[in-house]
């Protein structure tokens, strides 16, 4: 079957149909890959203070970074969680007593960079709301709220995708 164009040329219908199918297939693949984007994020909650000294053995991989960015004598691991984040789907971790909630949301994933929003809520009041860019295999440290026993909480985020 042939369709005659305005200039007298003919365009086979099958070529148009194939081109449209190819276009919509690529469009479908793009939107499903964006919609199903997932990033695995390891989040470590660290209690940093001047009470005591030393670095928790489980934080040895962060020892240099912690010392260069923060000036505390003691760093202790409070929590170590791994979350699978999907685009625009918040995931939360609560403190053991339930007074603090850490909410993380994947807000973007572009060319090897994951953009993650971090919210910390204490007693129903937002005390931290920031956005970080995570690169695969790298750790980002975020200074968080004051800890109830002195010092502060530091969040270490490490992404895999």
N, C-alpha and C. Protein backbone atom coordinates (compact mmCIF):
# COMPACT_ATOMS: atom_id res chain seq x y z
N UNK A 1 0.84 -1.17 0.00
CA UNK A 1 0.00 0.00 0.00
C UNK A 1 0.90 1.24 0.00
N UNK A 2 0.52 2.23 -0.76
CA UNK A 2 1.32 3.44 -0.92
C UNK A 2 0.41 4.64 -0.72
N UNK A 3 0.96 5.65 -0.03
CA UNK A 3 0.24 6.91 0.15
C UNK A 3 0.97 7.96 -0.67
N UNK A 4 0.21 8.70 -1.46
CA UNK A 4 0.79 9.74 -2.30
C UNK A 4 0.92 11.03 -1.50
N UNK A 5 2.10 11.62 -1.52
CA UNK A 5 2.35 12.88 -0.82
C UNK A 5 1.92 14.06 -1.67
N UNK A 6 1.96 15.25 -1.08
CA UNK A 6 1.54 16.47 -1.78
C UNK A 6 2.43 16.78 -2.97
N UNK A 7 3.71 16.41 -2.89
CA UNK A 7 4.64 16.70 -3.98
C UNK A 7 4.65 15.61 -5.04
N UNK A 8 3.75 14.67 -4.95
CA UNK A 8 3.68 13.60 -5.94
C UNK A 8 4.50 12.38 -5.55
N UNK A 9 5.33 12.49 -4.50
CA UNK A 9 6.13 11.34 -4.07
C UNK A 9 5.27 10.37 -3.28
N UNK A 10 5.72 9.14 -3.17
CA UNK A 10 4.96 8.14 -2.43
C UNK A 10 5.73 7.71 -1.17
N UNK A 11 4.99 7.46 -0.09
CA UNK A 11 5.58 7.02 1.16
C UNK A 11 4.91 5.70 1.55
N UNK A 12 5.68 4.65 1.58
CA UNK A 12 5.07 3.37 1.97
C UNK A 12 4.54 3.44 3.40
N UNK A 13 3.33 2.95 3.60
CA UNK A 13 2.67 2.97 4.90
C UNK A 13 3.47 2.16 5.92
N UNK A 14 4.03 1.05 5.50
CA UNK A 14 4.77 0.19 6.43
C UNK A 14 5.97 0.93 7.03
N UNK A 15 6.65 1.77 6.26
CA UNK A 15 7.79 2.52 6.80
C UNK A 15 7.33 3.48 7.88
N UNK A 16 6.21 4.12 7.66
CA UNK A 16 5.66 5.05 8.67
C UNK A 16 5.25 4.28 9.93
N UNK A 17 4.60 3.17 9.75
CA UNK A 17 4.15 2.38 10.89
C UNK A 17 5.36 1.90 11.70
N UNK A 18 6.38 1.42 11.03
CA UNK A 18 7.58 0.93 11.71
C UNK A 18 8.27 2.09 12.46
N UNK A 19 8.35 3.25 11.82
CA UNK A 19 8.96 4.40 12.47
C UNK A 19 8.18 4.81 13.72
N UNK A 20 6.85 4.81 13.64
CA UNK A 20 6.02 5.14 14.80
C UNK A 20 6.18 4.12 15.92
N UNK A 21 6.21 2.85 15.57
CA UNK A 21 6.38 1.79 16.58
C UNK A 21 7.74 1.95 17.27
N UNK A 22 8.76 2.22 16.49
CA UNK A 22 10.10 2.40 17.06
C UNK A 22 10.12 3.62 17.99
N UNK A 23 9.51 4.70 17.57
CA UNK A 23 9.47 5.91 18.39
C UNK A 23 8.76 5.66 19.72
N UNK A 24 7.58 5.06 19.66
CA UNK A 24 6.82 4.81 20.89
C UNK A 24 7.49 3.76 21.78
N UNK A 25 8.19 2.83 21.19
CA UNK A 25 8.93 1.84 21.98
C UNK A 25 10.05 2.51 22.76
N UNK A 26 10.79 3.41 22.11
CA UNK A 26 11.86 4.13 22.80
C UNK A 26 11.29 5.03 23.89
N UNK A 27 10.19 5.68 23.60
CA UNK A 27 9.53 6.53 24.60
C UNK A 27 9.09 5.70 25.80
N UNK A 28 8.51 4.53 25.56
CA UNK A 28 8.08 3.63 26.62
C UNK A 28 9.27 3.18 27.47
N UNK A 29 10.37 2.80 26.82
CA UNK A 29 11.56 2.36 27.55
C UNK A 29 12.12 3.49 28.42
N UNK A 30 12.12 4.70 27.89
CA UNK A 30 12.62 5.84 28.66
C UNK A 30 11.78 6.06 29.91
N UNK A 31 10.45 6.11 29.75
CA UNK A 31 9.60 6.39 30.90
C UNK A 31 9.59 5.25 31.91
N UNK A 32 9.67 4.00 31.47
CA UNK A 32 9.70 2.91 32.44
C UNK A 32 11.03 2.86 33.17
N UNK A 33 12.13 3.24 32.51
CA UNK A 33 13.42 3.24 33.21
C UNK A 33 13.47 4.35 34.23
N UNK A 34 12.88 5.52 33.93
CA UNK A 34 12.84 6.61 34.89
C UNK A 34 11.91 6.25 36.05
N UNK A 35 10.76 5.67 35.73
CA UNK A 35 9.79 5.32 36.77
C UNK A 35 10.31 4.22 37.68
N UNK A 36 11.14 3.32 37.17
CA UNK A 36 11.62 2.21 37.98
C UNK A 36 13.02 2.46 38.53
N UNK A 37 13.50 3.69 38.45
CA UNK A 37 14.83 4.03 38.94
C UNK A 37 14.90 3.73 40.43
N UNK A 38 15.93 3.00 40.81
CA UNK A 38 16.14 2.69 42.22
C UNK A 38 17.59 2.90 42.59
N UNK A 39 17.78 3.34 43.82
CA UNK A 39 19.11 3.56 44.35
C UNK A 39 19.15 2.94 45.74
N UNK A 40 20.19 2.18 46.00
CA UNK A 40 20.38 1.60 47.32
C UNK A 40 21.29 2.56 48.11
N UNK A 41 20.80 3.02 49.26
CA UNK A 41 21.55 3.98 50.06
C UNK A 41 21.78 3.39 51.45
N UNK A 42 23.05 3.36 51.83
CA UNK A 42 23.42 2.96 53.20
C UNK A 42 23.51 4.23 54.02
N UNK A 43 22.77 4.26 55.13
CA UNK A 43 22.76 5.42 56.00
C UNK A 43 23.27 5.01 57.37
N UNK A 44 24.31 5.72 57.81
CA UNK A 44 24.84 5.46 59.15
C UNK A 44 24.63 6.71 60.00
N UNK A 45 23.99 6.53 61.14
CA UNK A 45 23.82 7.60 62.11
C UNK A 45 24.98 7.53 63.09
N UNK A 46 25.69 8.63 63.23
CA UNK A 46 26.91 8.68 64.04
C UNK A 46 26.72 9.72 65.14
N UNK A 47 27.01 9.33 66.39
CA UNK A 47 26.98 10.28 67.50
C UNK A 47 28.39 10.83 67.65
N UNK A 48 28.54 12.12 67.40
CA UNK A 48 29.84 12.80 67.52
C UNK A 48 29.80 13.67 68.76
N UNK A 49 30.82 13.54 69.62
CA UNK A 49 30.84 14.34 70.85
C UNK A 49 32.27 14.51 71.34
N UNK A 50 32.40 15.31 72.39
CA UNK A 50 33.70 15.49 73.03
C UNK A 50 33.79 14.64 74.30
N UNK A 51 32.76 13.88 74.59
CA UNK A 51 32.78 12.97 75.74
C UNK A 51 33.49 11.70 75.30
N UNK A 52 34.58 11.39 75.93
CA UNK A 52 35.36 10.24 75.53
C UNK A 52 36.26 10.58 74.36
N UNK A 53 36.82 9.54 73.76
CA UNK A 53 37.68 9.77 72.59
C UNK A 53 37.69 8.52 71.72
N UNK A 54 38.15 8.69 70.51
CA UNK A 54 38.29 7.57 69.59
C UNK A 54 37.16 7.45 68.61
N UNK A 55 37.37 6.55 67.67
CA UNK A 55 36.41 6.29 66.60
C UNK A 55 35.96 4.84 66.70
N UNK A 56 34.66 4.65 66.65
CA UNK A 56 34.08 3.31 66.65
C UNK A 56 34.76 2.49 65.55
N UNK A 57 35.16 1.24 65.83
CA UNK A 57 35.82 0.41 64.81
C UNK A 57 35.02 0.27 63.52
N UNK A 58 33.69 0.31 63.60
CA UNK A 58 32.87 0.16 62.40
C UNK A 58 32.87 1.43 61.53
N UNK A 59 33.53 2.50 62.03
CA UNK A 59 33.59 3.75 61.27
C UNK A 59 35.00 4.05 60.76
N UNK A 60 35.86 3.07 60.81
CA UNK A 60 37.26 3.29 60.39
C UNK A 60 37.36 3.82 58.96
N UNK A 61 36.47 3.37 58.08
CA UNK A 61 36.51 3.84 56.69
C UNK A 61 36.19 5.32 56.57
N UNK A 62 35.57 5.91 57.60
CA UNK A 62 35.20 7.33 57.58
C UNK A 62 36.08 8.19 58.48
N UNK A 63 37.01 7.55 59.18
CA UNK A 63 37.81 8.24 60.20
C UNK A 63 38.46 9.52 59.66
N UNK A 64 39.11 9.44 58.52
CA UNK A 64 39.81 10.60 57.95
C UNK A 64 38.82 11.73 57.59
N UNK A 65 37.71 11.36 56.95
CA UNK A 65 36.72 12.35 56.56
C UNK A 65 36.07 13.01 57.77
N UNK A 66 35.73 12.21 58.77
CA UNK A 66 35.11 12.76 59.98
C UNK A 66 36.04 13.76 60.64
N UNK A 67 37.32 13.39 60.78
CA UNK A 67 38.29 14.27 61.41
C UNK A 67 38.55 15.56 60.65
N UNK A 68 38.47 15.50 59.31
CA UNK A 68 38.75 16.70 58.52
C UNK A 68 37.54 17.65 58.45
N UNK A 69 36.33 17.13 58.63
CA UNK A 69 35.14 17.97 58.52
C UNK A 69 34.57 18.41 59.87
N UNK A 70 34.78 17.60 60.89
CA UNK A 70 34.19 17.88 62.20
C UNK A 70 35.28 17.84 63.26
N UNK A 71 35.08 18.59 64.34
CA UNK A 71 36.12 18.65 65.37
C UNK A 71 35.62 18.09 66.70
N UNK A 72 35.31 16.81 66.70
CA UNK A 72 34.90 16.12 67.92
C UNK A 72 35.96 15.10 68.29
N UNK A 73 35.94 14.67 69.54
CA UNK A 73 36.91 13.68 70.02
C UNK A 73 36.43 12.25 69.87
N UNK A 74 35.11 12.07 69.81
CA UNK A 74 34.54 10.73 69.81
C UNK A 74 33.49 10.58 68.72
N UNK A 75 33.53 9.46 68.01
CA UNK A 75 32.55 9.15 66.97
C UNK A 75 32.06 7.73 67.20
N UNK A 76 30.77 7.56 67.49
CA UNK A 76 30.18 6.25 67.78
C UNK A 76 29.02 5.97 66.82
N UNK A 77 29.00 4.78 66.27
CA UNK A 77 27.91 4.37 65.38
C UNK A 77 26.65 4.11 66.20
N UNK A 78 25.56 4.78 65.84
CA UNK A 78 24.27 4.57 66.51
C UNK A 78 23.38 3.64 65.70
N UNK A 79 23.44 3.79 64.38
CA UNK A 79 22.51 3.06 63.52
C UNK A 79 23.14 2.85 62.16
N UNK A 80 22.89 1.71 61.55
CA UNK A 80 23.40 1.38 60.21
C UNK A 80 22.26 0.71 59.45
N UNK A 81 21.70 1.41 58.49
CA UNK A 81 20.55 0.92 57.72
C UNK A 81 20.81 1.05 56.22
N UNK A 82 20.25 0.14 55.45
CA UNK A 82 20.31 0.23 53.99
C UNK A 82 18.88 0.34 53.47
N UNK A 83 18.63 1.37 52.67
CA UNK A 83 17.30 1.60 52.09
C UNK A 83 17.37 1.49 50.59
N UNK A 84 16.32 0.95 50.00
CA UNK A 84 16.17 0.95 48.54
C UNK A 84 15.19 2.06 48.20
N UNK A 85 15.72 3.12 47.61
CA UNK A 85 14.91 4.29 47.30
C UNK A 85 14.41 4.25 45.87
N UNK A 86 13.13 4.54 45.70
CA UNK A 86 12.52 4.70 44.38
C UNK A 86 12.19 6.16 44.20
N UNK A 87 12.14 6.59 42.96
CA UNK A 87 11.90 7.99 42.63
C UNK A 87 10.66 8.54 43.32
N UNK A 88 10.82 9.63 44.06
CA UNK A 88 9.74 10.36 44.73
C UNK A 88 8.94 9.52 45.72
N UNK A 89 9.54 8.47 46.27
CA UNK A 89 8.89 7.63 47.28
C UNK A 89 9.69 7.73 48.58
N UNK A 90 9.23 8.52 49.56
CA UNK A 90 9.98 8.69 50.80
C UNK A 90 10.12 7.37 51.57
N UNK A 91 11.29 7.21 52.19
CA UNK A 91 11.54 6.06 53.07
C UNK A 91 12.03 6.63 54.40
N UNK A 92 11.53 6.08 55.50
CA UNK A 92 11.83 6.64 56.81
C UNK A 92 12.50 5.63 57.73
N UNK A 93 13.32 6.19 58.61
CA UNK A 93 13.94 5.42 59.69
C UNK A 93 13.64 6.20 60.97
N UNK A 94 13.17 5.50 61.98
CA UNK A 94 12.88 6.15 63.26
C UNK A 94 13.97 5.84 64.27
N UNK A 95 14.18 6.80 65.18
CA UNK A 95 15.12 6.53 66.27
C UNK A 95 14.50 5.45 67.16
N UNK A 96 15.32 4.85 67.98
CA UNK A 96 14.84 3.74 68.82
C UNK A 96 13.68 4.17 69.73
N UNK A 97 13.70 5.41 70.19
CA UNK A 97 12.61 5.88 71.05
C UNK A 97 11.47 6.54 70.26
N UNK A 98 11.63 6.66 68.94
CA UNK A 98 10.57 7.18 68.08
C UNK A 98 10.45 8.69 68.04
N UNK A 99 11.35 9.42 68.71
CA UNK A 99 11.23 10.89 68.73
C UNK A 99 11.83 11.55 67.50
N UNK A 100 12.75 10.86 66.81
CA UNK A 100 13.38 11.44 65.62
C UNK A 100 13.10 10.54 64.42
N UNK A 101 12.71 11.16 63.33
CA UNK A 101 12.47 10.42 62.08
C UNK A 101 13.37 11.00 61.01
N UNK A 102 14.12 10.12 60.35
CA UNK A 102 14.95 10.50 59.20
C UNK A 102 14.22 10.02 57.96
N UNK A 103 13.86 10.96 57.09
CA UNK A 103 13.14 10.63 55.86
C UNK A 103 14.05 10.92 54.68
N UNK A 104 14.23 9.94 53.81
CA UNK A 104 15.04 10.13 52.60
C UNK A 104 14.17 9.89 51.38
N UNK A 105 14.37 10.72 50.37
CA UNK A 105 13.59 10.60 49.14
C UNK A 105 14.52 10.78 47.94
N UNK A 106 14.47 9.84 47.02
CA UNK A 106 15.20 9.97 45.76
C UNK A 106 14.41 10.95 44.90
N UNK A 107 15.00 12.11 44.60
CA UNK A 107 14.29 13.13 43.82
C UNK A 107 14.81 13.25 42.39
N UNK A 108 15.92 12.58 42.10
CA UNK A 108 16.45 12.63 40.74
C UNK A 108 17.57 11.62 40.56
N UNK A 109 17.71 11.15 39.35
CA UNK A 109 18.78 10.22 38.99
C UNK A 109 19.21 10.54 37.57
N UNK A 110 20.41 11.14 37.44
CA UNK A 110 20.88 11.58 36.13
C UNK A 110 22.35 11.23 35.96
N UNK A 111 22.68 10.56 34.91
CA UNK A 111 24.08 10.32 34.50
C UNK A 111 25.00 9.97 35.67
N UNK A 112 24.63 8.99 36.45
CA UNK A 112 25.49 8.55 37.53
C UNK A 112 25.47 9.41 38.78
N UNK A 113 24.45 10.24 38.94
CA UNK A 113 24.31 11.07 40.13
C UNK A 113 22.89 10.90 40.67
N UNK A 114 22.79 10.54 41.93
CA UNK A 114 21.48 10.43 42.58
C UNK A 114 21.28 11.65 43.46
N UNK A 115 20.15 12.31 43.29
CA UNK A 115 19.81 13.45 44.15
C UNK A 115 18.83 12.97 45.20
N UNK A 116 19.22 13.15 46.47
CA UNK A 116 18.43 12.63 47.58
C UNK A 116 18.09 13.77 48.54
N UNK A 117 16.82 13.86 48.90
CA UNK A 117 16.38 14.83 49.90
C UNK A 117 16.40 14.14 51.26
N UNK A 118 16.93 14.85 52.25
CA UNK A 118 17.02 14.34 53.61
C UNK A 118 16.24 15.28 54.52
N UNK A 119 15.29 14.71 55.24
CA UNK A 119 14.52 15.48 56.22
C UNK A 119 14.67 14.80 57.57
N UNK A 120 14.88 15.60 58.60
CA UNK A 120 14.90 15.07 59.96
C UNK A 120 13.80 15.79 60.73
N UNK A 121 12.95 15.00 61.37
CA UNK A 121 11.84 15.53 62.14
C UNK A 121 12.00 15.05 63.58
N UNK A 122 11.98 15.99 64.51
CA UNK A 122 12.05 15.66 65.94
C UNK A 122 10.78 16.17 66.60
N UNK A 123 10.07 15.29 67.26
CA UNK A 123 8.83 15.66 67.96
C UNK A 123 7.90 16.47 67.05
N UNK A 124 7.73 16.01 65.83
CA UNK A 124 6.83 16.58 64.82
C UNK A 124 7.27 17.94 64.28
N UNK A 125 8.50 18.37 64.60
CA UNK A 125 9.04 19.61 64.03
C UNK A 125 10.20 19.28 63.11
N UNK A 126 10.18 19.84 61.92
CA UNK A 126 11.28 19.64 60.98
C UNK A 126 12.50 20.41 61.45
N UNK A 127 13.61 19.70 61.64
CA UNK A 127 14.83 20.36 62.10
C UNK A 127 15.94 20.33 61.05
N UNK A 128 15.75 19.57 60.00
CA UNK A 128 16.73 19.54 58.90
C UNK A 128 15.99 19.19 57.62
N UNK A 129 16.29 19.93 56.57
CA UNK A 129 15.74 19.64 55.25
C UNK A 129 16.79 20.07 54.24
N UNK A 130 17.45 19.09 53.63
CA UNK A 130 18.51 19.41 52.69
C UNK A 130 18.49 18.39 51.55
N UNK A 131 19.22 18.69 50.52
CA UNK A 131 19.31 17.82 49.37
C UNK A 131 20.79 17.60 49.06
N UNK A 132 21.17 16.34 48.80
CA UNK A 132 22.56 16.02 48.49
C UNK A 132 22.63 15.26 47.17
N UNK A 133 23.80 15.32 46.56
CA UNK A 133 24.07 14.55 45.35
C UNK A 133 25.00 13.41 45.73
N UNK A 134 24.58 12.20 45.40
CA UNK A 134 25.37 11.02 45.73
C UNK A 134 25.91 10.40 44.44
N UNK A 135 27.20 10.10 44.47
CA UNK A 135 27.86 9.43 43.37
C UNK A 135 28.09 7.98 43.78
N UNK A 136 28.00 7.04 42.87
CA UNK A 136 28.19 5.63 43.24
C UNK A 136 29.54 5.41 43.92
N UNK A 137 29.50 4.71 45.05
CA UNK A 137 30.72 4.35 45.74
C UNK A 137 31.33 5.44 46.61
N UNK A 138 30.73 6.61 46.66
CA UNK A 138 31.27 7.71 47.48
C UNK A 138 30.34 7.96 48.67
N UNK A 139 30.93 8.45 49.74
CA UNK A 139 30.16 8.74 50.95
C UNK A 139 30.05 10.24 51.15
N UNK A 140 28.85 10.69 51.52
CA UNK A 140 28.60 12.09 51.84
C UNK A 140 28.25 12.17 53.31
N UNK A 141 28.87 13.10 54.02
CA UNK A 141 28.58 13.32 55.44
C UNK A 141 27.71 14.56 55.59
N UNK A 142 26.65 14.44 56.38
CA UNK A 142 25.73 15.55 56.62
C UNK A 142 25.64 15.76 58.12
N UNK A 143 26.00 16.97 58.56
CA UNK A 143 25.86 17.31 59.97
C UNK A 143 24.40 17.45 60.31
N UNK A 144 23.98 16.74 61.32
CA UNK A 144 22.57 16.73 61.69
C UNK A 144 22.29 17.47 62.99
N UNK A 145 21.23 17.08 63.66
CA UNK A 145 20.77 17.79 64.87
C UNK A 145 21.63 17.48 66.09
N UNK A 146 21.40 18.26 67.13
CA UNK A 146 22.06 18.01 68.41
C UNK A 146 21.55 16.69 68.98
N UNK A 147 22.45 15.98 69.62
CA UNK A 147 22.10 14.72 70.27
C UNK A 147 21.65 15.03 71.69
N UNK A 148 20.71 14.26 72.21
CA UNK A 148 20.19 14.51 73.56
C UNK A 148 21.25 14.34 74.65
N UNK A 149 22.30 13.56 74.39
CA UNK A 149 23.37 13.35 75.37
C UNK A 149 24.61 14.19 75.05
N UNK A 150 24.42 15.31 74.38
CA UNK A 150 25.53 16.17 74.01
C UNK A 150 26.09 15.80 72.64
N UNK A 151 26.77 16.73 72.04
CA UNK A 151 27.31 16.48 70.71
C UNK A 151 26.24 16.59 69.65
N UNK A 152 26.51 16.00 68.50
CA UNK A 152 25.58 16.06 67.38
C UNK A 152 25.45 14.69 66.72
N UNK A 153 24.48 14.59 65.84
CA UNK A 153 24.31 13.41 65.00
C UNK A 153 24.85 13.76 63.62
N UNK A 154 25.65 12.87 63.06
CA UNK A 154 26.15 13.02 61.70
C UNK A 154 25.60 11.86 60.90
N UNK A 155 25.11 12.15 59.70
CA UNK A 155 24.60 11.10 58.82
C UNK A 155 25.61 10.86 57.71
N UNK A 156 25.99 9.60 57.53
CA UNK A 156 26.89 9.21 56.44
C UNK A 156 26.05 8.46 55.41
N UNK A 157 25.99 8.96 54.19
CA UNK A 157 25.20 8.35 53.12
C UNK A 157 26.12 7.82 52.03
N UNK A 158 25.88 6.58 51.64
CA UNK A 158 26.71 5.92 50.62
C UNK A 158 25.74 5.23 49.65
N UNK A 159 25.87 5.56 48.37
CA UNK A 159 24.90 5.06 47.38
C UNK A 159 25.49 3.97 46.48
N UNK A 160 24.61 3.06 46.07
CA UNK A 160 24.93 2.05 45.05
C UNK A 160 23.80 2.05 44.04
N UNK A 161 24.18 2.21 42.77
CA UNK A 161 23.18 2.12 41.70
C UNK A 161 23.87 1.88 40.39
